[in-house]
Amino acid sequence: MTKVETARLRETWTRCAPLLAELDALGRLGGNALVKIDGGRSDDGGALPETYTVVLAGGRLRDEFFRRDGADLEKLLRDAIEFFKKHAVAAD
């Protein structure tokens, strides 16, 4: 991995830090959150474009769940947070 690639990844994770903190706070309300970094390879040996998987399930989401793969971690996290806010059941 080149220094440029490493710097780009560092920028991505720095931008996503507030979203990860929000996801952490939502998870503490009940449920599970997963951010997976997939180092899988395509059939031709190249990197897969869908590097990340974000999953939310359980707790206040009850039977609803969010699972999405993609290359844009920031968008996936924003979508997951919006999903939680839309589908989570209020605390009893």
N, C-alpha and C. Protein backbone atom coordinates (compact mmCIF):
# COMPACT_ATOMS: atom_id res chain seq x y z
N MET A 1 0.85 -1.17 0.00
CA MET A 1 0.00 0.00 0.00
C MET A 1 0.90 1.24 0.00
N THR A 2 0.59 2.19 -0.85
CA THR A 2 1.42 3.39 -0.97
C THR A 2 1.08 4.39 0.14
N LYS A 3 1.93 5.36 0.32
CA LYS A 3 1.67 6.42 1.30
C LYS A 3 0.43 7.23 0.93
N VAL A 4 0.20 7.40 -0.36
CA VAL A 4 -0.98 8.13 -0.82
C VAL A 4 -2.25 7.36 -0.47
N GLU A 5 -2.24 6.05 -0.69
CA GLU A 5 -3.40 5.22 -0.36
C GLU A 5 -3.66 5.23 1.15
N THR A 6 -2.59 5.13 1.92
CA THR A 6 -2.72 5.16 3.38
C THR A 6 -3.28 6.49 3.84
N ALA A 7 -2.81 7.58 3.27
CA ALA A 7 -3.31 8.91 3.63
C ALA A 7 -4.78 9.05 3.28
N ARG A 8 -5.19 8.52 2.14
CA ARG A 8 -6.59 8.58 1.72
C ARG A 8 -7.48 7.81 2.71
N LEU A 9 -7.02 6.63 3.12
CA LEU A 9 -7.79 5.85 4.09
C LEU A 9 -7.86 6.55 5.44
N ARG A 10 -6.77 7.16 5.85
CA ARG A 10 -6.76 7.90 7.11
C ARG A 10 -7.77 9.04 7.07
N GLU A 11 -7.83 9.75 5.95
CA GLU A 11 -8.81 10.84 5.78
C GLU A 11 -10.24 10.31 5.86
N THR A 12 -10.49 9.16 5.23
CA THR A 12 -11.82 8.56 5.27
C THR A 12 -12.23 8.26 6.71
N TRP A 13 -11.36 7.60 7.46
CA TRP A 13 -11.69 7.22 8.84
C TRP A 13 -11.80 8.45 9.74
N THR A 14 -11.01 9.48 9.50
CA THR A 14 -11.11 10.71 10.28
C THR A 14 -12.45 11.38 10.04
N ARG A 15 -12.89 11.44 8.77
CA ARG A 15 -14.21 12.00 8.44
C ARG A 15 -15.33 11.19 9.07
N CYS A 16 -15.13 9.89 9.19
CA CYS A 16 -16.18 9.00 9.68
C CYS A 16 -16.22 8.90 11.21
N ALA A 17 -15.22 9.43 11.89
CA ALA A 17 -15.16 9.30 13.36
C ALA A 17 -16.43 9.82 14.05
N PRO A 18 -16.97 11.00 13.69
CA PRO A 18 -18.20 11.45 14.35
C PRO A 18 -19.39 10.52 14.07
N LEU A 19 -19.44 9.95 12.87
CA LEU A 19 -20.53 9.02 12.54
C LEU A 19 -20.39 7.72 13.33
N LEU A 20 -19.17 7.24 13.50
CA LEU A 20 -18.94 6.05 14.31
C LEU A 20 -19.31 6.30 15.77
N ALA A 21 -19.03 7.50 16.27
CA ALA A 21 -19.42 7.85 17.63
C ALA A 21 -20.94 7.87 17.77
N GLU A 22 -21.64 8.39 16.76
CA GLU A 22 -23.10 8.40 16.79
C GLU A 22 -23.65 6.98 16.72
N LEU A 23 -23.05 6.14 15.90
CA LEU A 23 -23.46 4.75 15.81
C LEU A 23 -23.24 4.05 17.15
N ASP A 24 -22.14 4.34 17.81
CA ASP A 24 -21.85 3.80 19.13
C ASP A 24 -22.95 4.21 20.12
N ALA A 25 -23.32 5.48 20.11
CA ALA A 25 -24.37 5.97 21.01
C ALA A 25 -25.71 5.28 20.73
N LEU A 26 -26.05 5.10 19.46
CA LEU A 26 -27.29 4.42 19.10
C LEU A 26 -27.24 2.96 19.55
N GLY A 27 -26.10 2.32 19.39
CA GLY A 27 -25.94 0.94 19.80
C GLY A 27 -26.13 0.76 21.30
N ARG A 28 -25.76 1.75 22.07
CA ARG A 28 -25.93 1.67 23.52
C ARG A 28 -27.39 1.78 23.94
N LEU A 29 -28.24 2.15 22.99
CA LEU A 29 -29.69 2.15 23.24
C LEU A 29 -30.26 0.74 23.06
N GLY A 30 -29.46 -0.16 22.61
CA GLY A 30 -29.87 -1.54 22.37
C GLY A 30 -29.64 -1.91 20.93
N GLY A 31 -29.19 -3.12 20.71
CA GLY A 31 -28.95 -3.59 19.36
C GLY A 31 -27.48 -3.80 19.09
N ASN A 32 -27.21 -4.16 17.87
CA ASN A 32 -25.84 -4.48 17.45
C ASN A 32 -25.48 -3.69 16.21
N ALA A 33 -24.23 -3.32 16.14
CA ALA A 33 -23.70 -2.63 14.95
C ALA A 33 -22.40 -3.31 14.55
N LEU A 34 -22.21 -3.43 13.25
CA LEU A 34 -21.01 -4.05 12.72
C LEU A 34 -20.53 -3.25 11.53
N VAL A 35 -19.24 -2.92 11.52
CA VAL A 35 -18.59 -2.35 10.34
C VAL A 35 -17.50 -3.35 9.95
N LYS A 36 -17.66 -3.94 8.78
CA LYS A 36 -16.72 -4.96 8.30
C LYS A 36 -15.89 -4.39 7.17
N ILE A 37 -14.60 -4.63 7.25
CA ILE A 37 -13.69 -4.26 6.18
C ILE A 37 -13.33 -5.55 5.46
N ASP A 38 -13.75 -5.66 4.21
CA ASP A 38 -13.61 -6.90 3.47
C ASP A 38 -12.42 -6.82 2.53
N GLY A 39 -11.43 -7.59 2.82
CA GLY A 39 -10.24 -7.64 1.98
C GLY A 39 -10.34 -8.71 0.91
N GLY A 40 -11.55 -9.16 0.61
CA GLY A 40 -11.76 -10.19 -0.40
C GLY A 40 -11.26 -9.75 -1.77
N ARG A 41 -11.11 -10.69 -2.62
CA ARG A 41 -10.61 -10.41 -3.97
C ARG A 41 -11.62 -10.87 -5.00
N SER A 42 -11.62 -10.20 -6.13
CA SER A 42 -12.48 -10.61 -7.23
C SER A 42 -11.84 -11.79 -7.95
N ASP A 43 -12.57 -12.36 -8.88
CA ASP A 43 -12.07 -13.52 -9.63
C ASP A 43 -10.80 -13.21 -10.41
N ASP A 44 -10.64 -11.94 -10.83
CA ASP A 44 -9.45 -11.58 -11.60
C ASP A 44 -8.29 -11.13 -10.72
N GLY A 45 -8.43 -11.25 -9.40
CA GLY A 45 -7.34 -10.91 -8.49
C GLY A 45 -7.32 -9.47 -8.04
N GLY A 46 -8.20 -8.62 -8.56
CA GLY A 46 -8.25 -7.23 -8.15
C GLY A 46 -9.09 -7.04 -6.90
N ALA A 47 -8.95 -5.90 -6.28
CA ALA A 47 -9.71 -5.61 -5.08
C ALA A 47 -11.19 -5.41 -5.44
N LEU A 48 -12.05 -5.82 -4.55
CA LEU A 48 -13.49 -5.62 -4.75
C LEU A 48 -13.84 -4.16 -4.50
N PRO A 49 -14.73 -3.58 -5.29
CA PRO A 49 -15.11 -2.18 -5.05
C PRO A 49 -15.95 -2.01 -3.78
N GLU A 50 -16.72 -3.03 -3.40
CA GLU A 50 -17.52 -2.95 -2.18
C GLU A 50 -16.67 -3.43 -1.01
N THR A 51 -15.84 -2.55 -0.50
CA THR A 51 -14.89 -2.89 0.55
C THR A 51 -15.55 -3.01 1.91
N TYR A 52 -16.61 -2.23 2.18
CA TYR A 52 -17.20 -2.16 3.51
C TYR A 52 -18.58 -2.79 3.55
N THR A 53 -18.91 -3.35 4.72
CA THR A 53 -20.26 -3.81 5.01
C THR A 53 -20.65 -3.19 6.34
N VAL A 54 -21.84 -2.61 6.41
CA VAL A 54 -22.38 -2.06 7.66
C VAL A 54 -23.68 -2.78 7.95
N VAL A 55 -23.80 -3.27 9.20
CA VAL A 55 -24.99 -4.00 9.63
C VAL A 55 -25.48 -3.42 10.95
N LEU A 56 -26.79 -3.23 11.07
CA LEU A 56 -27.47 -2.87 12.32
C LEU A 56 -28.59 -3.87 12.51
N ALA A 57 -28.75 -4.40 13.72
CA ALA A 57 -29.81 -5.36 13.99
C ALA A 57 -30.10 -5.44 15.48
N GLY A 58 -31.28 -5.96 15.79
CA GLY A 58 -31.64 -6.25 17.17
C GLY A 58 -32.05 -5.03 17.96
N GLY A 59 -32.25 -5.24 19.25
CA GLY A 59 -32.62 -4.17 20.16
C GLY A 59 -33.86 -3.43 19.72
N ARG A 60 -33.76 -2.12 19.69
CA ARG A 60 -34.91 -1.27 19.36
C ARG A 60 -35.34 -1.37 17.90
N LEU A 61 -34.54 -2.05 17.08
CA LEU A 61 -34.95 -2.28 15.69
C LEU A 61 -35.91 -3.46 15.58
N ARG A 62 -36.01 -4.23 16.65
CA ARG A 62 -36.88 -5.42 16.68
C ARG A 62 -36.60 -6.30 15.47
N ASP A 63 -37.57 -6.49 14.58
CA ASP A 63 -37.39 -7.38 13.43
C ASP A 63 -36.77 -6.68 12.22
N GLU A 64 -36.61 -5.40 12.28
CA GLU A 64 -35.98 -4.66 11.17
C GLU A 64 -34.46 -4.82 11.26
N PHE A 65 -33.79 -4.72 10.13
CA PHE A 65 -32.33 -4.70 10.14
C PHE A 65 -31.83 -3.93 8.92
N PHE A 66 -30.60 -3.48 9.02
CA PHE A 66 -29.93 -2.75 7.94
C PHE A 66 -28.67 -3.53 7.60
N ARG A 67 -28.46 -3.79 6.32
CA ARG A 67 -27.21 -4.39 5.85
C ARG A 67 -26.94 -3.85 4.47
N ARG A 68 -25.77 -3.27 4.32
CA ARG A 68 -25.42 -2.72 3.01
C ARG A 68 -23.91 -2.83 2.79
N ASP A 69 -23.53 -3.14 1.56
CA ASP A 69 -22.13 -3.18 1.13
C ASP A 69 -21.85 -1.96 0.26
N GLY A 70 -20.63 -1.47 0.30
CA GLY A 70 -20.28 -0.36 -0.56
C GLY A 70 -18.84 0.07 -0.39
N ALA A 71 -18.43 0.97 -1.26
CA ALA A 71 -17.07 1.50 -1.22
C ALA A 71 -16.97 2.80 -0.44
N ASP A 72 -18.12 3.46 -0.19
CA ASP A 72 -18.14 4.76 0.48
C ASP A 72 -18.59 4.58 1.93
N LEU A 73 -17.63 4.44 2.83
CA LEU A 73 -17.93 4.18 4.24
C LEU A 73 -18.78 5.29 4.85
N GLU A 74 -18.47 6.53 4.54
CA GLU A 74 -19.22 7.66 5.11
C GLU A 74 -20.70 7.57 4.73
N LYS A 75 -21.00 7.28 3.48
CA LYS A 75 -22.39 7.15 3.04
C LYS A 75 -23.07 5.97 3.72
N LEU A 76 -22.39 4.84 3.83
CA LEU A 76 -22.97 3.68 4.49
C LEU A 76 -23.34 4.00 5.94
N LEU A 77 -22.45 4.69 6.65
CA LEU A 77 -22.71 5.03 8.04
C LEU A 77 -23.88 6.00 8.16
N ARG A 78 -23.91 7.01 7.29
CA ARG A 78 -25.04 7.96 7.31
C ARG A 78 -26.36 7.24 7.04
N ASP A 79 -26.36 6.34 6.06
CA ASP A 79 -27.57 5.59 5.73
C ASP A 79 -28.00 4.71 6.90
N ALA A 80 -27.06 4.08 7.57
CA ALA A 80 -27.37 3.22 8.71
C ALA A 80 -27.98 4.03 9.86
N ILE A 81 -27.42 5.19 10.13
CA ILE A 81 -27.94 6.04 11.21
C ILE A 81 -29.34 6.52 10.88
N GLU A 82 -29.57 6.92 9.65
CA GLU A 82 -30.91 7.33 9.24
C GLU A 82 -31.90 6.18 9.33
N PHE A 83 -31.46 5.00 8.95
CA PHE A 83 -32.32 3.81 9.05
C PHE A 83 -32.72 3.59 10.51
N PHE A 84 -31.75 3.66 11.41
CA PHE A 84 -32.04 3.44 12.83
C PHE A 84 -33.07 4.47 13.32
N LYS A 85 -32.84 5.72 12.98
CA LYS A 85 -33.74 6.78 13.44
C LYS A 85 -35.15 6.57 12.90
N LYS A 86 -35.27 6.03 11.70
CA LYS A 86 -36.58 5.83 11.08
C LYS A 86 -37.28 4.59 11.63
N HIS A 87 -36.54 3.53 11.93
CA HIS A 87 -37.15 2.25 12.24
C HIS A 87 -37.09 1.83 13.71
N ALA A 88 -36.28 2.49 14.52
CA ALA A 88 -36.16 2.07 15.92
C ALA A 88 -37.45 2.33 16.68
N VAL A 89 -37.82 1.40 17.53
CA VAL A 89 -39.00 1.52 18.36
C VAL A 89 -38.61 2.29 19.62
N ALA A 90 -39.47 3.20 20.05
CA ALA A 90 -39.19 3.98 21.25
C ALA A 90 -39.03 3.05 22.45
N ALA A 91 -38.18 3.46 23.40
CA ALA A 91 -37.96 2.67 24.61
C ALA A 91 -39.26 2.56 25.39
N ASP A 92 -39.46 1.39 26.01
CA ASP A 92 -40.69 1.17 26.80
C ASP A 92 -40.67 1.96 28.08
